Amino acid sequence: MADDPLTGFVRTVLGTGVPMLVLSPHLDDAVLSCGALLGWAGRRAPVTVATLFTEAAPPPYTLSARQYLKRAGARDAQELFADRRAEDRRVLELLDADWRHVGLVDGLFRRLPRIGPGTARLSRVLPELAHVYPTYRLHLSRGRVSSYDAETLRVAGEVVDALLPARSGGLVLAPLGVGGHADHVLARTVAERSGRRVVYYSEFPFNQTAAADAEFTGRHRLVARAWERDLDRKAELIRGYRTQTGTLFPGGGIPRAPEVYLLPEAADPAVSWESDRLRGTRARTAGGVG
């Protein structure tokens, strides 16, 4: 039986032995959204998962950060993130995937690069004053990357250059930004600007209740394709992230949902990638940076 378009494309690209780099904003996103594909691809080509935002910060915490810690049953963010890194290592090793924890600070805890002495004093009482994203709802999840994140963007871009040199001909899997989390949009922007071949993944479980960014998918002429191979093992892998599953799946059940990937619509992948790359180099300010 002939492969579906997504399987055919992935089989063709990975069949040449080129590496695949998965950009995961947080310490669970790659497996939540791509766990089934990673298991299949890892048996055919070198796969590396680079998780960008793997660190927290010491207190004082914003109200949004305190609410997150409460839902996770934790009091200390740095201890929680140490547990999350350990979970991620264990799960990715089950998939035989290489992993890199980049060490950038999660958006909930990311502080402004510079503040004045007066603001520093006030931020001891009102921590929001010292943070890049003071609130979750009004700032972190609005679908935009803060201008204060310019250095974070630069570092993340260097990670792609180091782990997937342009001469490798490799493939990047990057988040689509479903749900509008700034860390996801930042990772998407890094991939968009990288000049590499990119397939975007739709973030699970957020794609069960939120739609993709129509402006972004339209600009890149992306078409969604479902991946249904190797889904049986995925729930077990997700349960390896014990610090997160209670919040993500409060009822305890993990839906068996196909993974969704977005590729350029043109039938000829080589043409699609080249035109997409050129559009990315011409539109450096695109991708939700503001």
C-alpha atoms as a PDB file:
ATOM      1  CA  MET A   1       0.000   0.000   0.000  1.00  0.00           C
ATOM      2  CA  ALA A   2       1.300   3.446  -0.904  1.00  0.00           C
ATOM      3  CA  ASP A   3       2.409   5.762   1.885  1.00  0.00           C
ATOM      4  CA  ASP A   4       0.312   8.786   2.786  1.00  0.00           C
ATOM      5  CA  PRO A   5       2.005  12.123   1.864  1.00  0.00           C
ATOM      6  CA  LEU A   6       3.492  12.721   5.314  1.00  0.00           C
ATOM      7  CA  THR A   7       4.891   9.204   5.707  1.00  0.00           C
ATOM      8  CA  GLY A   8       6.216   9.302   2.165  1.00  0.00           C
ATOM      9  CA  PHE A   9       7.950  12.608   2.761  1.00  0.00           C
ATOM     10  CA  VAL A  10       9.481  11.604   6.100  1.00  0.00           C
ATOM     11  CA  ARG A  11      10.561   8.233   4.727  1.00  0.00           C
ATOM     12  CA  THR A  12      12.196   9.925   1.722  1.00  0.00           C
ATOM     13  CA  VAL A  13      14.061  12.529   3.777  1.00  0.00           C
ATOM     14  CA  LEU A  14      15.144  10.285   6.640  1.00  0.00           C
ATOM     15  CA  GLY A  15      15.907   7.456   4.253  1.00  0.00           C
ATOM     16  CA  THR A  16      18.892   9.469   3.090  1.00  0.00           C
ATOM     17  CA  GLY A  17      20.297   9.310   6.626  1.00  0.00           C
ATOM     18  CA  VAL A  18      20.035  13.047   7.276  1.00  0.00           C
ATOM     19  CA  PRO A  19      19.567  14.092  10.915  1.00  0.00           C
ATOM     20  CA  MET A  20      16.370  15.424  12.445  1.00  0.00           C
ATOM     21  CA  LEU A  21      16.371  18.151  15.086  1.00  0.00           C
ATOM     22  CA  VAL A  22      13.235  18.546  17.184  1.00  0.00           C
ATOM     23  CA  LEU A  23      12.825  21.948  18.835  1.00  0.00           C
ATOM     24  CA  SER A  24      10.885  21.458  22.051  1.00  0.00           C
ATOM     25  CA  PRO A  25      10.015  24.637  23.942  1.00  0.00           C
ATOM     26  CA  HIS A  26       9.489  22.869  27.265  1.00  0.00           C
ATOM     27  CA  LEU A  27      10.343  19.624  29.017  1.00  0.00           C
ATOM     28  CA  ASP A  28       7.495  17.550  27.568  1.00  0.00           C
ATOM     29  CA  ASP A  29       6.413  19.252  24.339  1.00  0.00           C
ATOM     30  CA  ALA A  30       8.364  17.023  21.954  1.00  0.00           C
ATOM     31  CA  VAL A  31       6.882  13.809  23.321  1.00  0.00           C
ATOM     32  CA  LEU A  32       3.388  15.232  23.833  1.00  0.00           C
ATOM     33  CA  SER A  33       3.206  16.333  20.211  1.00  0.00           C
ATOM     34  CA  CYS A  34       5.661  14.067  18.368  1.00  0.00           C
ATOM     35  CA  GLY A  35       6.193  10.978  20.522  1.00  0.00           C
ATOM     36  CA  ALA A  36       4.829   8.528  17.953  1.00  0.00           C
ATOM     37  CA  LEU A  37       6.788  10.002  15.042  1.00  0.00           C
ATOM     38  CA  LEU A  38       9.966  10.185  17.130  1.00  0.00           C
ATOM     39  CA  GLY A  39       9.764   6.484  17.907  1.00  0.00           C
ATOM     40  CA  TRP A  40       9.354   5.663  14.219  1.00  0.00           C
ATOM     41  CA  ALA A  41      11.952   8.138  12.939  1.00  0.00           C
ATOM     42  CA  GLY A  42      14.529   7.233  15.573  1.00  0.00           C
ATOM     43  CA  ARG A  43      14.810   3.748  14.088  1.00  0.00           C
ATOM     44  CA  ARG A  44      15.716   5.244  10.707  1.00  0.00           C
ATOM     45  CA  ALA A  45      17.858   8.342  11.246  1.00  0.00           C
ATOM     46  CA  PRO A  46      19.696  10.330  13.947  1.00  0.00           C
ATOM     47  CA  VAL A  47      17.170  12.261  16.051  1.00  0.00           C
ATOM     48  CA  THR A  48      18.035  14.977  18.578  1.00  0.00           C
ATOM     49  CA  VAL A  49      15.508  16.710  20.814  1.00  0.00           C
ATOM     50  CA  ALA A  50      16.687  20.177  21.846  1.00  0.00           C
ATOM     51  CA  THR A  51      14.574  21.518  24.689  1.00  0.00           C
ATOM     52  CA  LEU A  52      15.035  25.265  24.944  1.00  0.00           C
ATOM     53  CA  PHE A  53      13.428  26.427  28.196  1.00  0.00           C
ATOM     54  CA  THR A  54      14.684  24.026  30.834  1.00  0.00           C
ATOM     55  CA  GLU A  55      15.388  26.302  33.803  1.00  0.00           C
ATOM     56  CA  ALA A  56      13.345  28.254  36.324  1.00  0.00           C
ATOM     57  CA  ALA A  57      14.573  31.094  38.546  1.00  0.00           C
ATOM     58  CA  PRO A  58      14.626  31.787  42.267  1.00  0.00           C
ATOM     59  CA  PRO A  59      11.821  33.760  43.950  1.00  0.00           C
ATOM     60  CA  PRO A  60      10.134  36.173  44.175  1.00  0.00           C
ATOM     61  CA  TYR A  61       7.652  34.665  41.716  1.00  0.00           C
ATOM     62  CA  THR A  62       4.866  36.392  39.829  1.00  0.00           C
ATOM     63  CA  LEU A  63       1.273  35.514  40.638  1.00  0.00           C
ATOM     64  CA  SER A  64       1.057  33.474  37.419  1.00  0.00           C
ATOM     65  CA  ALA A  65       4.171  31.534  38.377  1.00  0.00           C
ATOM     66  CA  ARG A  66       2.854  30.890  41.886  1.00  0.00           C
ATOM     67  CA  GLN A  67      -0.399  29.573  40.439  1.00  0.00           C
ATOM     68  CA  TYR A  68       1.533  27.229  38.151  1.00  0.00           C
ATOM     69  CA  LEU A  69       3.616  25.918  41.051  1.00  0.00           C
ATOM     70  CA  LYS A  70       0.477  25.337  43.108  1.00  0.00           C
ATOM     71  CA  ARG A  71      -1.131  23.323  40.300  1.00  0.00           C
ATOM     72  CA  ALA A  72       2.055  21.264  39.992  1.00  0.00           C
ATOM     73  CA  GLY A  73       2.115  20.632  43.754  1.00  0.00           C
ATOM     74  CA  ALA A  74       5.503  22.339  44.108  1.00  0.00           C
ATOM     75  CA  ARG A  75       6.825  25.216  46.174  1.00  0.00           C
ATOM     76  CA  ASP A  76      10.280  25.704  44.661  1.00  0.00           C
ATOM     77  CA  ALA A  77      10.495  26.242  40.904  1.00  0.00           C
ATOM     78  CA  GLN A  78      14.135  25.256  40.590  1.00  0.00           C
ATOM     79  CA  GLU A  79      13.529  21.957  42.368  1.00  0.00           C
ATOM     80  CA  LEU A  80      10.502  21.308  40.164  1.00  0.00           C
ATOM     81  CA  PHE A  81      12.504  21.938  37.013  1.00  0.00           C
ATOM     82  CA  ALA A  82      15.255  19.605  38.198  1.00  0.00           C
ATOM     83  CA  ASP A  83      12.584  16.908  38.479  1.00  0.00           C
ATOM     84  CA  ARG A  84      11.236  17.819  35.039  1.00  0.00           C
ATOM     85  CA  ARG A  85      14.681  17.541  33.438  1.00  0.00           C
ATOM     86  CA  ALA A  86      15.122  14.104  34.973  1.00  0.00           C
ATOM     87  CA  GLU A  87      11.708  13.012  33.643  1.00  0.00           C
ATOM     88  CA  ASP A  88      12.564  14.261  30.175  1.00  0.00           C
ATOM     89  CA  ARG A  89      15.887  12.419  30.103  1.00  0.00           C
ATOM     90  CA  ARG A  90      14.256   9.148  31.116  1.00  0.00           C
ATOM     91  CA  VAL A  91      11.493   9.375  28.505  1.00  0.00           C
ATOM     92  CA  LEU A  92      13.772  10.409  25.640  1.00  0.00           C
ATOM     93  CA  GLU A  93      16.184   7.607  26.471  1.00  0.00           C
ATOM     94  CA  LEU A  94      13.266   5.174  26.078  1.00  0.00           C
ATOM     95  CA  LEU A  95      12.932   6.547  22.546  1.00  0.00           C
ATOM     96  CA  ASP A  96      16.683   6.206  21.909  1.00  0.00           C
ATOM     97  CA  ALA A  97      16.754   9.903  21.009  1.00  0.00           C
ATOM     98  CA  ASP A  98      19.673  12.164  21.758  1.00  0.00           C
ATOM     99  CA  TRP A  99      18.700  15.130  23.897  1.00  0.00           C
ATOM    100  CA  ARG A 100      20.005  18.587  24.766  1.00  0.00           C
ATOM    101  CA  HIS A 101      18.738  20.779  27.575  1.00  0.00           C
ATOM    102  CA  VAL A 102      19.650  24.252  26.376  1.00  0.00           C
ATOM    103  CA  GLY A 103      19.250  25.991  29.735  1.00  0.00           C
ATOM    104  CA  LEU A 104      17.158  29.036  28.842  1.00  0.00           C
ATOM    105  CA  VAL A 105      14.746  30.261  31.502  1.00  0.00           C
ATOM    106  CA  ASP A 106      11.068  29.378  31.090  1.00  0.00           C
ATOM    107  CA  GLY A 107       8.829  32.304  30.144  1.00  0.00           C
ATOM    108  CA  LEU A 108       6.955  32.208  33.458  1.00  0.00           C
ATOM    109  CA  PHE A 109      10.199  32.972  35.268  1.00  0.00           C
ATOM    110  CA  ARG A 110      12.171  34.988  32.700  1.00  0.00           C
ATOM    111  CA  ARG A 111      13.312  38.344  34.017  1.00  0.00           C
ATOM    112  CA  LEU A 112      14.041  41.548  32.170  1.00  0.00           C
ATOM    113  CA  PRO A 113      17.689  41.840  31.138  1.00  0.00           C
ATOM    114  CA  ARG A 114      18.037  45.236  32.853  1.00  0.00           C
ATOM    115  CA  ILE A 115      15.969  47.199  35.355  1.00  0.00           C
ATOM    116  CA  GLY A 116      16.668  50.362  37.288  1.00  0.00           C
ATOM    117  CA  PRO A 117      17.374  50.407  41.030  1.00  0.00           C
ATOM    118  CA  GLY A 118      13.918  51.799  41.824  1.00  0.00           C
ATOM    119  CA  THR A 119      12.180  49.067  39.855  1.00  0.00           C
ATOM    120  CA  ALA A 120      14.423  46.480  41.490  1.00  0.00           C
ATOM    121  CA  ARG A 121      13.267  47.608  44.926  1.00  0.00           C
ATOM    122  CA  LEU A 122       9.602  47.633  43.944  1.00  0.00           C
ATOM    123  CA  SER A 123       9.874  44.221  42.285  1.00  0.00           C
ATOM    124  CA  ARG A 124      10.580  42.635  45.652  1.00  0.00           C
ATOM    125  CA  VAL A 125       6.963  43.407  46.486  1.00  0.00           C
ATOM    126  CA  LEU A 126       5.530  43.250  42.948  1.00  0.00           C
ATOM    127  CA  PRO A 127       7.703  40.739  41.027  1.00  0.00           C
ATOM    128  CA  GLU A 128       5.746  41.326  37.811  1.00  0.00           C
ATOM    129  CA  LEU A 129       7.693  44.579  37.317  1.00  0.00           C
ATOM    130  CA  ALA A 130      10.921  42.654  36.715  1.00  0.00           C
ATOM    131  CA  HIS A 131       9.618  39.981  34.341  1.00  0.00           C
ATOM    132  CA  VAL A 132       9.534  39.822  30.555  1.00  0.00           C
ATOM    133  CA  TYR A 133       6.035  38.318  30.730  1.00  0.00           C
ATOM    134  CA  PRO A 134       4.386  39.691  33.893  1.00  0.00           C
ATOM    135  CA  THR A 135       1.188  37.636  33.531  1.00  0.00           C
ATOM    136  CA  TYR A 136       0.281  34.442  31.749  1.00  0.00           C
ATOM    137  CA  ARG A 137      -3.038  35.447  30.223  1.00  0.00           C
ATOM    138  CA  LEU A 138      -2.211  39.014  29.167  1.00  0.00           C
ATOM    139  CA  HIS A 139       1.432  38.540  28.194  1.00  0.00           C
ATOM    140  CA  LEU A 140       2.853  35.015  27.967  1.00  0.00           C
ATOM    141  CA  SER A 141      -0.050  33.463  26.042  1.00  0.00           C
ATOM    142  CA  ARG A 142      -0.876  36.327  23.663  1.00  0.00           C
ATOM    143  CA  GLY A 143       1.017  34.834  20.705  1.00  0.00           C
ATOM    144  CA  ARG A 144       3.827  37.384  20.594  1.00  0.00           C
ATOM    145  CA  VAL A 145       7.519  37.294  21.469  1.00  0.00           C
ATOM    146  CA  SER A 146       8.605  40.254  23.587  1.00  0.00           C
ATOM    147  CA  SER A 147      11.242  42.611  22.214  1.00  0.00           C
ATOM    148  CA  TYR A 148      13.103  41.923  25.469  1.00  0.00           C
ATOM    149  CA  ASP A 149      13.632  38.359  24.220  1.00  0.00           C
ATOM    150  CA  ALA A 150      16.065  39.384  21.462  1.00  0.00           C
ATOM    151  CA  GLU A 151      18.999  37.731  23.229  1.00  0.00           C
ATOM    152  CA  THR A 152      16.961  34.593  23.874  1.00  0.00           C
ATOM    153  CA  LEU A 153      16.162  34.402  20.153  1.00  0.00           C
ATOM    154  CA  ARG A 154      19.830  34.804  19.295  1.00  0.00           C
ATOM    155  CA  VAL A 155      20.940  32.024  21.645  1.00  0.00           C
ATOM    156  CA  ALA A 156      18.228  29.662  20.408  1.00  0.00           C
ATOM    157  CA  GLY A 157      19.284  30.341  16.815  1.00  0.00           C
ATOM    158  CA  GLU A 158      22.868  29.456  17.671  1.00  0.00           C
ATOM    159  CA  VAL A 159      21.627  26.156  19.109  1.00  0.00           C
ATOM    160  CA  VAL A 160      20.094  25.226  15.759  1.00  0.00           C
ATOM    161  CA  ASP A 161      23.294  26.220  13.949  1.00  0.00           C
ATOM    162  CA  ALA A 162      25.378  24.075  16.304  1.00  0.00           C
ATOM    163  CA  LEU A 163      23.156  20.984  16.376  1.00  0.00           C
ATOM    164  CA  LEU A 164      22.059  20.988  12.732  1.00  0.00           C
ATOM    165  CA  PRO A 165      24.680  22.646  10.503  1.00  0.00           C
ATOM    166  CA  ALA A 166      23.282  23.920   7.222  1.00  0.00           C
ATOM    167  CA  ARG A 167      25.493  21.538   5.252  1.00  0.00           C
ATOM    168  CA  SER A 168      23.840  18.539   6.962  1.00  0.00           C
ATOM    169  CA  GLY A 169      20.683  18.887   4.879  1.00  0.00           C
ATOM    170  CA  GLY A 170      18.775  17.949   8.008  1.00  0.00           C
ATOM    171  CA  LEU A 171      15.167  18.480   8.973  1.00  0.00           C
ATOM    172  CA  VAL A 172      13.809  20.634  11.805  1.00  0.00           C
ATOM    173  CA  LEU A 173      10.580  19.773  13.611  1.00  0.00           C
ATOM    174  CA  ALA A 174       9.303  22.939  15.274  1.00  0.00           C
ATOM    175  CA  PRO A 175       6.188  23.905  17.222  1.00  0.00           C
ATOM    176  CA  LEU A 176       3.379  25.637  15.366  1.00  0.00           C
ATOM    177  CA  GLY A 177       2.532  27.861  18.324  1.00  0.00           C
ATOM    178  CA  VAL A 178      -0.994  26.568  18.937  1.00  0.00           C
ATOM    179  CA  GLY A 179      -2.275  28.285  22.068  1.00  0.00           C
ATOM    180  CA  GLY A 180      -0.048  31.323  21.608  1.00  0.00           C
ATOM    181  CA  HIS A 181       2.558  30.619  24.317  1.00  0.00           C
ATOM    182  CA  ALA A 182       5.478  32.987  23.693  1.00  0.00           C
ATOM    183  CA  ASP A 183       8.069  30.248  24.256  1.00  0.00           C
ATOM    184  CA  HIS A 184       6.426  28.184  21.508  1.00  0.00           C
ATOM    185  CA  VAL A 185       6.204  31.152  19.145  1.00  0.00           C
ATOM    186  CA  LEU A 186       9.864  31.930  19.834  1.00  0.00           C
ATOM    187  CA  ALA A 187      10.885  28.364  18.949  1.00  0.00           C
ATOM    188  CA  ARG A 188       8.761  28.586  15.796  1.00  0.00           C
ATOM    189  CA  THR A 189      10.427  31.875  14.853  1.00  0.00           C
ATOM    190  CA  VAL A 190      13.889  30.375  15.301  1.00  0.00           C
ATOM    191  CA  ALA A 191      12.995  27.532  12.941  1.00  0.00           C
ATOM    192  CA  GLU A 192      11.374  29.898  10.442  1.00  0.00           C
ATOM    193  CA  ARG A 193      14.533  32.017  10.273  1.00  0.00           C
ATOM    194  CA  SER A 194      16.994  29.119  10.273  1.00  0.00           C
ATOM    195  CA  GLY A 195      17.108  28.436   6.537  1.00  0.00           C
ATOM    196  CA  ARG A 196      16.651  24.704   7.241  1.00  0.00           C
ATOM    197  CA  ARG A 197      13.871  22.466   6.008  1.00  0.00           C
ATOM    198  CA  VAL A 198      11.099  22.738   8.578  1.00  0.00           C
ATOM    199  CA  VAL A 199       8.040  20.671   9.407  1.00  0.00           C
ATOM    200  CA  TYR A 200       5.804  22.242  12.041  1.00  0.00           C
ATOM    201  CA  TYR A 201       4.022  20.156  14.644  1.00  0.00           C
ATOM    202  CA  SER A 202       0.651  21.043  16.138  1.00  0.00           C
ATOM    203  CA  GLU A 203       0.950  21.076  19.919  1.00  0.00           C
ATOM    204  CA  PHE A 204      -0.985  18.393  21.795  1.00  0.00           C
ATOM    205  CA  PRO A 205      -3.112  18.614  23.913  1.00  0.00           C
ATOM    206  CA  PHE A 206      -3.590  22.336  23.246  1.00  0.00           C
ATOM    207  CA  ASN A 207      -4.707  21.618  19.677  1.00  0.00           C
ATOM    208  CA  GLN A 208      -7.737  19.833  21.108  1.00  0.00           C
ATOM    209  CA  THR A 209      -9.223  23.198  22.101  1.00  0.00           C
ATOM    210  CA  ALA A 210      -7.271  25.877  20.178  1.00  0.00           C
ATOM    211  CA  ALA A 211      -6.764  26.561  16.483  1.00  0.00           C
ATOM    212  CA  ALA A 212      -3.551  27.138  14.561  1.00  0.00           C
ATOM    213  CA  ASP A 213      -2.350  30.627  13.645  1.00  0.00           C
ATOM    214  CA  ALA A 214      -4.099  31.102  10.295  1.00  0.00           C
ATOM    215  CA  GLU A 215      -1.847  34.001   9.283  1.00  0.00           C
ATOM    216  CA  PHE A 216       1.291  31.919   9.782  1.00  0.00           C
ATOM    217  CA  THR A 217      -0.011  28.787   8.070  1.00  0.00           C
ATOM    218  CA  GLY A 218      -1.337  30.847   5.178  1.00  0.00           C
ATOM    219  CA  ARG A 219       1.892  32.771   4.730  1.00  0.00           C
ATOM    220  CA  HIS A 220       3.866  29.540   4.463  1.00  0.00           C
ATOM    221  CA  ARG A 221       1.116  27.702   2.547  1.00  0.00           C
ATOM    222  CA  LEU A 222       1.139  24.879   5.076  1.00  0.00           C
ATOM    223  CA  VAL A 223      -1.111  21.845   4.864  1.00  0.00           C
ATOM    224  CA  ALA A 224      -1.925  19.669   7.875  1.00  0.00           C
ATOM    225  CA  ARG A 225      -1.183  15.940   7.716  1.00  0.00           C
ATOM    226  CA  ALA A 226      -2.070  13.357  10.344  1.00  0.00           C
ATOM    227  CA  TRP A 227       0.394  10.785  11.708  1.00  0.00           C
ATOM    228  CA  GLU A 228      -1.233   7.672  13.169  1.00  0.00           C
ATOM    229  CA  ARG A 229       1.625   5.161  13.266  1.00  0.00           C
ATOM    230  CA  ASP A 230       2.970   3.916  16.618  1.00  0.00           C
ATOM    231  CA  LEU A 231       0.352   5.743  18.715  1.00  0.00           C
ATOM    232  CA  ASP A 232      -0.224   2.813  21.069  1.00  0.00           C
ATOM    233  CA  ARG A 233       2.924   3.481  23.095  1.00  0.00           C
ATOM    234  CA  LYS A 234       2.510   7.227  23.303  1.00  0.00           C
ATOM    235  CA  ALA A 235       0.271   7.435  26.392  1.00  0.00           C
ATOM    236  CA  GLU A 236       2.831   5.413  28.338  1.00  0.00           C
ATOM    237  CA  LEU A 237       5.575   7.834  27.319  1.00  0.00           C
ATOM    238  CA  ILE A 238       3.488  10.857  28.278  1.00  0.00           C
ATOM    239  CA  ARG A 239       2.818   9.380  31.711  1.00  0.00           C
ATOM    240  CA  GLY A 240       6.569   9.517  32.251  1.00  0.00           C
ATOM    241  CA  TYR A 241       6.128  13.253  32.809  1.00  0.00           C
ATOM    242  CA  ARG A 242       4.529  12.755  36.189  1.00  0.00           C
ATOM    243  CA  THR A 243       4.954  16.351  37.350  1.00  0.00           C
ATOM    244  CA  GLN A 244       2.848  17.574  34.405  1.00  0.00           C
ATOM    245  CA  THR A 245       0.229  14.959  33.550  1.00  0.00           C
ATOM    246  CA  GLY A 246      -2.091  15.845  36.430  1.00  0.00           C
ATOM    247  CA  THR A 247      -2.343  19.424  35.181  1.00  0.00           C
ATOM    248  CA  LEU A 248      -2.522  18.582  31.483  1.00  0.00           C
ATOM    249  CA  PHE A 249      -4.968  15.680  31.884  1.00  0.00           C
ATOM    250  CA  PRO A 250      -6.900  16.340  35.104  1.00  0.00           C
ATOM    251  CA  GLY A 251      -9.276  13.466  34.472  1.00  0.00           C
ATOM    252  CA  GLY A 252      -6.402  11.010  34.185  1.00  0.00           C
ATOM    253  CA  GLY A 253      -7.178   9.878  30.653  1.00  0.00           C
ATOM    254  CA  ILE A 254      -4.852  10.725  27.774  1.00  0.00           C
ATOM    255  CA  PRO A 255      -6.748  10.964  24.467  1.00  0.00           C
ATOM    256  CA  ARG A 256      -5.492   8.767  21.644  1.00  0.00           C
ATOM    257  CA  ALA A 257      -5.207  11.526  19.072  1.00  0.00           C
ATOM    258  CA  PRO A 258      -3.306  11.466  15.769  1.00  0.00           C
ATOM    259  CA  GLU A 259      -0.254  13.691  15.685  1.00  0.00           C
ATOM    260  CA  VAL A 260      -0.599  16.619  13.294  1.00  0.00           C
ATOM    261  CA  TYR A 261       2.233  18.004  11.180  1.00  0.00           C
ATOM    262  CA  LEU A 262       2.195  20.870   8.706  1.00  0.00           C
ATOM    263  CA  LEU A 263       4.181  20.823   5.469  1.00  0.00           C
ATOM    264  CA  PRO A 264       4.256  23.132   2.439  1.00  0.00           C
ATOM    265  CA  GLU A 265       1.348  22.307   0.155  1.00  0.00           C
ATOM    266  CA  ALA A 266       3.350  21.974  -3.084  1.00  0.00           C
ATOM    267  CA  ALA A 267       3.848  18.399  -4.218  1.00  0.00           C
ATOM    268  CA  ASP A 268       7.577  18.854  -4.841  1.00  0.00           C
ATOM    269  CA  PRO A 269       9.254  19.115  -1.407  1.00  0.00           C
ATOM    270  CA  ALA A 270      12.481  20.533  -2.851  1.00  0.00           C
ATOM    271  CA  VAL A 271      10.611  23.446  -4.430  1.00  0.00           C
ATOM    272  CA  SER A 272       8.571  24.010  -1.280  1.00  0.00           C
ATOM    273  CA  TRP A 273      11.562  24.106   1.043  1.00  0.00           C
ATOM    274  CA  GLU A 274      13.536  26.479  -1.149  1.00  0.00           C
ATOM    275  CA  SER A 275      10.694  28.951  -1.619  1.00  0.00           C
ATOM    276  CA  ASP A 276       9.870  28.750   2.086  1.00  0.00           C
ATOM    277  CA  ARG A 277      13.488  29.396   3.016  1.00  0.00           C
ATOM    278  CA  LEU A 278      13.662  32.444   0.760  1.00  0.00           C
ATOM    279  CA  ARG A 279      10.453  33.853   2.214  1.00  0.00           C
ATOM    280  CA  GLY A 280      11.906  33.397   5.683  1.00  0.00           C
ATOM    281  CA  THR A 281      15.079  35.316   4.837  1.00  0.00           C
ATOM    282  CA  ARG A 282      13.062  38.175   3.378  1.00  0.00           C
ATOM    283  CA  ALA A 283      10.720  38.412   6.353  1.00  0.00           C
ATOM    284  CA  ARG A 284      12.989  38.509   9.358  1.00  0.00           C
ATOM    285  CA  THR A 285      10.511  40.483  11.412  1.00  0.00           C
ATOM    286  CA  ALA A 286       7.727  37.983  10.833  1.00  0.00           C
ATOM    287  CA  GLY A 287       6.842  35.135  13.159  1.00  0.00           C
ATOM    288  CA  GLY A 288       5.127  36.894  16.032  1.00  0.00           C
ATOM    289  CA  VAL A 289       7.948  39.088  17.335  1.00  0.00           C
ATOM    290  CA  GLY A 290       6.781  42.366  18.775  1.00  0.00           C
END
